[in-house]
Amino acid sequence: MKTYQDLEKLIARVEKATSLVYRYNENAGDIEFVNEEEIIAFHDYPREDGNGSDYDKICSEIEDYFKVLL
């Protein structure tokens, strides 16, 4: 089971591999990677028990999207 620390490490890898910068959009509940030209957003999925985020699902989506670069 992945944790917030796993997400932080993944965010750092994405930022290093791309020109994108991480930000959290509280209004939409999205994890975003942005630059001047684009915004790539991933939903912050809640765990099934309602306690926190489903980091397995979030990390999996981010890894799948950036798989060529990571």
Protein backbone atom coordinates (compact mmCIF):
# COMPACT_ATOMS: atom_id res chain seq x y z
CA MET A 1 0.00 0.00 0.00
CA LYS A 2 1.45 3.35 -1.08
CA THR A 3 1.69 6.32 1.25
CA TYR A 4 1.89 10.08 0.94
CA GLN A 5 5.69 9.74 1.00
CA ASP A 6 5.49 7.54 -2.12
CA LEU A 7 3.42 10.25 -3.81
CA GLU A 8 5.97 12.90 -2.82
CA LYS A 9 8.80 10.84 -4.35
CA LEU A 10 6.78 10.34 -7.53
CA ILE A 11 6.04 14.07 -7.75
CA ALA A 12 9.76 14.81 -7.45
CA ARG A 13 10.53 12.29 -10.23
CA VAL A 14 7.91 13.85 -12.54
CA GLU A 15 9.19 17.37 -11.88
CA LYS A 16 12.78 16.27 -12.57
CA ALA A 17 11.85 14.43 -15.79
CA THR A 18 9.63 17.21 -17.18
CA SER A 19 9.36 20.98 -17.14
CA LEU A 20 6.19 20.65 -15.07
CA VAL A 21 5.67 21.89 -11.51
CA TYR A 22 3.38 20.24 -8.95
CA ARG A 23 0.49 22.04 -7.33
CA TYR A 24 -2.64 20.89 -5.51
CA ASN A 25 -5.93 22.38 -6.70
CA GLU A 26 -8.12 22.42 -3.59
CA ASN A 27 -11.17 23.67 -5.47
CA ALA A 28 -11.20 20.72 -7.86
CA GLY A 29 -9.53 18.20 -5.57
CA ASP A 30 -6.87 17.55 -8.19
CA ILE A 31 -3.15 16.91 -8.22
CA GLU A 32 -1.80 19.05 -11.04
CA PHE A 33 1.43 19.34 -12.97
CA VAL A 34 1.67 22.69 -14.73
CA ASN A 35 3.83 24.95 -16.86
CA GLU A 36 3.05 28.05 -18.92
CA GLU A 37 1.39 26.00 -21.66
CA GLU A 38 -0.46 23.13 -20.03
CA ILE A 39 -2.08 21.65 -16.96
CA ILE A 40 -2.13 17.88 -16.44
CA ALA A 41 -4.53 16.96 -13.63
CA PHE A 42 -5.12 13.77 -11.67
CA HIS A 43 -8.05 13.30 -9.31
CA ASP A 44 -7.22 12.93 -5.60
CA TYR A 45 -9.19 9.72 -5.03
CA PRO A 46 -10.42 9.02 -1.49
CA ARG A 47 -9.84 5.62 0.08
CA GLU A 48 -12.87 3.32 0.17
CA ASP A 49 -13.06 3.61 3.96
CA GLY A 50 -13.14 7.40 3.65
CA ASN A 51 -9.92 7.92 5.62
CA GLY A 52 -7.51 9.89 3.45
CA SER A 53 -6.42 9.46 -0.14
CA ASP A 54 -6.05 6.28 -2.19
CA TYR A 55 -2.34 6.69 -2.96
CA ASP A 56 -2.18 3.37 -4.81
CA LYS A 57 -4.71 4.59 -7.36
CA ILE A 58 -3.31 8.12 -7.59
CA CYS A 59 0.31 6.97 -8.04
CA SER A 60 -0.73 4.33 -10.55
CA GLU A 61 -2.49 6.90 -12.75
CA ILE A 62 0.45 9.31 -12.60
CA GLU A 63 2.99 6.55 -13.33
CA ASP A 64 0.89 5.29 -16.24
CA TYR A 65 0.57 8.77 -17.77
CA PHE A 66 4.28 9.58 -17.47
CA LYS A 67 5.58 6.01 -18.02
CA VAL A 68 7.69 6.95 -21.04
CA LEU A 69 9.46 9.71 -19.11
CA LEU A 70 9.99 7.98 -15.78
